[in-house]
Amino acid sequence: MSSHSDVFRNVITKTTTKPNNDLNLFKENARRMNENKK
């Protein structure tokens, strides 16, 4: 699970330019988690 948090943190650092990206990031992260479950 540590690797997953690392990826999440990495994406956050890349999208710190716009605050709106936080919402998109959350949606993308949830989508990736759903794909991982399959």
PDB file of N, CA and C in Angstrom:
ATOM      1  N   MET A   1       0.838  -1.206   0.000  1.00  0.00           N
ATOM      2  CA  MET A   1       0.000   0.000   0.000  1.00  0.00           C
ATOM      3  C   MET A   1       0.869   1.251   0.000  1.00  0.00           C
ATOM      4  N   SER A   2       2.085   1.118   0.490  1.00  0.00           N
ATOM      5  CA  SER A   2       2.973   2.289   0.522  1.00  0.00           C
ATOM      6  C   SER A   2       3.236   2.799  -0.893  1.00  0.00           C
ATOM      7  N   SER A   3       3.352   1.871  -1.841  1.00  0.00           N
ATOM      8  CA  SER A   3       3.622   2.269  -3.223  1.00  0.00           C
ATOM      9  C   SER A   3       2.459   3.099  -3.759  1.00  0.00           C
ATOM     10  N   HIS A   4       1.226   2.736  -3.368  1.00  0.00           N
ATOM     11  CA  HIS A   4       0.051   3.476  -3.845  1.00  0.00           C
ATOM     12  C   HIS A   4       0.097   4.910  -3.322  1.00  0.00           C
ATOM     13  N   SER A   5       0.437   5.079  -2.039  1.00  0.00           N
ATOM     14  CA  SER A   5       0.502   6.426  -1.466  1.00  0.00           C
ATOM     15  C   SER A   5       1.610   7.228  -2.139  1.00  0.00           C
ATOM     16  N   ASP A   6       2.705   6.561  -2.490  1.00  0.00           N
ATOM     17  CA  ASP A   6       3.798   7.261  -3.169  1.00  0.00           C
ATOM     18  C   ASP A   6       3.325   7.811  -4.504  1.00  0.00           C
ATOM     19  N   VAL A   7       2.581   7.017  -5.243  1.00  0.00           N
ATOM     20  CA  VAL A   7       2.065   7.473  -6.540  1.00  0.00           C
ATOM     21  C   VAL A   7       1.116   8.640  -6.334  1.00  0.00           C
ATOM     22  N   PHE A   8       0.246   8.519  -5.327  1.00  0.00           N
ATOM     23  CA  PHE A   8      -0.712   9.588  -5.047  1.00  0.00           C
ATOM     24  C   PHE A   8       0.028  10.879  -4.729  1.00  0.00           C
ATOM     25  N   ARG A   9       1.067  10.782  -3.893  1.00  0.00           N
ATOM     26  CA  ARG A   9       1.859  11.958  -3.518  1.00  0.00           C
ATOM     27  C   ARG A   9       2.556  12.542  -4.748  1.00  0.00           C
ATOM     28  N   ASN A  10       3.065  11.673  -5.597  1.00  0.00           N
ATOM     29  CA  ASN A  10       3.760  12.121  -6.801  1.00  0.00           C
ATOM     30  C   ASN A  10       2.816  12.908  -7.696  1.00  0.00           C
ATOM     31  N   VAL A  11       1.601  12.420  -7.872  1.00  0.00           N
ATOM     32  CA  VAL A  11       0.624  13.111  -8.722  1.00  0.00           C
ATOM     33  C   VAL A  11       0.269  14.457  -8.114  1.00  0.00           C
ATOM     34  N   ILE A  12       0.138  14.513  -6.793  1.00  0.00           N
ATOM     35  CA  ILE A  12      -0.218  15.774  -6.130  1.00  0.00           C
ATOM     36  C   ILE A  12       0.848  16.826  -6.412  1.00  0.00           C
ATOM     37  N   THR A  13       2.113  16.460  -6.303  1.00  0.00           N
ATOM     38  CA  THR A  13       3.193  17.420  -6.527  1.00  0.00           C
ATOM     39  C   THR A  13       3.155  17.930  -7.959  1.00  0.00           C
ATOM     40  N   LYS A  14       2.686  17.095  -8.885  1.00  0.00           N
ATOM     41  CA  LYS A  14       2.629  17.510 -10.292  1.00  0.00           C
ATOM     42  C   LYS A  14       1.467  18.454 -10.554  1.00  0.00           C
ATOM     43  N   THR A  15       0.405  18.384  -9.747  1.00  0.00           N
ATOM     44  CA  THR A  15      -0.802  19.172 -10.015  1.00  0.00           C
ATOM     45  C   THR A  15      -1.006  20.276  -8.980  1.00  0.00           C
ATOM     46  N   THR A  16       0.083  20.772  -8.396  1.00  0.00           N
ATOM     47  CA  THR A  16      -0.049  21.844  -7.406  1.00  0.00           C
ATOM     48  C   THR A  16      -0.232  23.192  -8.088  1.00  0.00           C
ATOM     49  N   THR A  17      -0.182  23.224  -9.416  1.00  0.00           N
ATOM     50  CA  THR A  17      -0.296  24.492 -10.134  1.00  0.00           C
ATOM     51  C   THR A  17      -1.699  25.063 -10.021  1.00  0.00           C
ATOM     52  N   LYS A  18      -2.720  24.199 -10.049  1.00  0.00           N
ATOM     53  CA  LYS A  18      -4.111  24.681  -9.977  1.00  0.00           C
ATOM     54  C   LYS A  18      -4.861  23.969  -8.861  1.00  0.00           C
ATOM     55  N   PRO A  19      -5.616  24.711  -8.045  1.00  0.00           N
ATOM     56  CA  PRO A  19      -6.384  24.107  -6.945  1.00  0.00           C
ATOM     57  C   PRO A  19      -7.498  23.209  -7.462  1.00  0.00           C
ATOM     58  N   ASN A  20      -8.042  23.543  -8.633  1.00  0.00           N
ATOM     59  CA  ASN A  20      -9.120  22.724  -9.204  1.00  0.00           C
ATOM     60  C   ASN A  20      -8.629  21.324  -9.523  1.00  0.00           C
ATOM     61  N   ASN A  21      -7.337  21.179  -9.762  1.00  0.00           N
ATOM     62  CA  ASN A  21      -6.792  19.861 -10.106  1.00  0.00           C
ATOM     63  C   ASN A  21      -6.977  18.878  -8.954  1.00  0.00           C
ATOM     64  N   ASP A  22      -7.107  19.395  -7.721  1.00  0.00           N
ATOM     65  CA  ASP A  22      -7.287  18.494  -6.574  1.00  0.00           C
ATOM     66  C   ASP A  22      -8.527  17.628  -6.779  1.00  0.00           C
ATOM     67  N   LEU A  23      -9.610  18.251  -7.249  1.00  0.00           N
ATOM     68  CA  LEU A  23     -10.845  17.490  -7.455  1.00  0.00           C
ATOM     69  C   LEU A  23     -10.651  16.461  -8.554  1.00  0.00           C
ATOM     70  N   ASN A  24     -10.039  16.874  -9.652  1.00  0.00           N
ATOM     71  CA  ASN A  24      -9.784  15.939 -10.758  1.00  0.00           C
ATOM     72  C   ASN A  24      -8.866  14.818 -10.289  1.00  0.00           C
ATOM     73  N   LEU A  25      -7.883  15.170  -9.464  1.00  0.00           N
ATOM     74  CA  LEU A  25      -6.955  14.164  -8.955  1.00  0.00           C
ATOM     75  C   LEU A  25      -7.710  13.124  -8.138  1.00  0.00           C
ATOM     76  N   PHE A  26      -8.626  13.592  -7.300  1.00  0.00           N
ATOM     77  CA  PHE A  26      -9.407  12.669  -6.478  1.00  0.00           C
ATOM     78  C   PHE A  26     -10.212  11.720  -7.359  1.00  0.00           C
ATOM     79  N   LYS A  27     -10.822  12.262  -8.418  1.00  0.00           N
ATOM     80  CA  LYS A  27     -11.621  11.424  -9.320  1.00  0.00           C
ATOM     81  C   LYS A  27     -10.732  10.410 -10.028  1.00  0.00           C
ATOM     82  N   GLU A  28      -9.582  10.857 -10.490  1.00  0.00           N
ATOM     83  CA  GLU A  28      -8.672   9.935 -11.193  1.00  0.00           C
ATOM     84  C   GLU A  28      -8.182   8.849 -10.249  1.00  0.00           C
ATOM     85  N   ASN A  29      -7.863   9.236  -9.010  1.00  0.00           N
ATOM     86  CA  ASN A  29      -7.369   8.255  -8.042  1.00  0.00           C
ATOM     87  C   ASN A  29      -8.434   7.198  -7.760  1.00  0.00           C
ATOM     88  N   ALA A  30      -9.677   7.640  -7.579  1.00  0.00           N
ATOM     89  CA  ALA A  30     -10.766   6.690  -7.316  1.00  0.00           C
ATOM     90  C   ALA A  30     -10.936   5.756  -8.507  1.00  0.00           C
ATOM     91  N   ARG A  31     -10.831   6.310  -9.714  1.00  0.00           N
ATOM     92  CA  ARG A  31     -10.980   5.483 -10.920  1.00  0.00           C
ATOM     93  C   ARG A  31      -9.867   4.444 -10.986  1.00  0.00           C
ATOM     94  N   ARG A  32      -8.653   4.854 -10.655  1.00  0.00           N
ATOM     95  CA  ARG A  32      -7.523   3.912 -10.700  1.00  0.00           C
ATOM     96  C   ARG A  32      -7.709   2.813  -9.664  1.00  0.00           C
ATOM     97  N   MET A  33      -8.200   3.176  -8.481  1.00  0.00           N
ATOM     98  CA  MET A  33      -8.406   2.176  -7.431  1.00  0.00           C
ATOM     99  C   MET A  33      -9.438   1.149  -7.897  1.00  0.00           C
ATOM    100  N   ASN A  34     -10.500   1.617  -8.563  1.00  0.00           N
ATOM    101  CA  ASN A  34     -11.526   0.692  -9.063  1.00  0.00           C
ATOM    102  C   ASN A  34     -10.921  -0.246 -10.093  1.00  0.00           C
ATOM    103  N   GLU A  35     -10.070   0.274 -10.968  1.00  0.00           N
ATOM    104  CA  GLU A  35      -9.450  -0.573 -11.991  1.00  0.00           C
ATOM    105  C   GLU A  35      -8.508  -1.585 -11.338  1.00  0.00           C
ATOM    106  N   ASN A  36      -7.838  -1.160 -10.258  1.00  0.00           N
ATOM    107  CA  ASN A  36      -6.916  -2.067  -9.565  1.00  0.00           C
ATOM    108  C   ASN A  36      -7.679  -3.234  -8.942  1.00  0.00           C
ATOM    109  N   LYS A  37      -8.880  -2.990  -8.463  1.00  0.00           N
ATOM    110  CA  LYS A  37      -9.664  -4.049  -7.813  1.00  0.00           C
ATOM    111  C   LYS A  37     -10.016  -5.145  -8.809  1.00  0.00           C
ATOM    112  N   LYS A  38     -10.213  -4.785 -10.070  1.00  0.00           N
ATOM    113  CA  LYS A  38     -10.615  -5.782 -11.081  1.00  0.00           C
ATOM    114  C   LYS A  38      -9.512  -6.802 -11.293  1.00  0.00           C
TER     115      LYS A  38
END
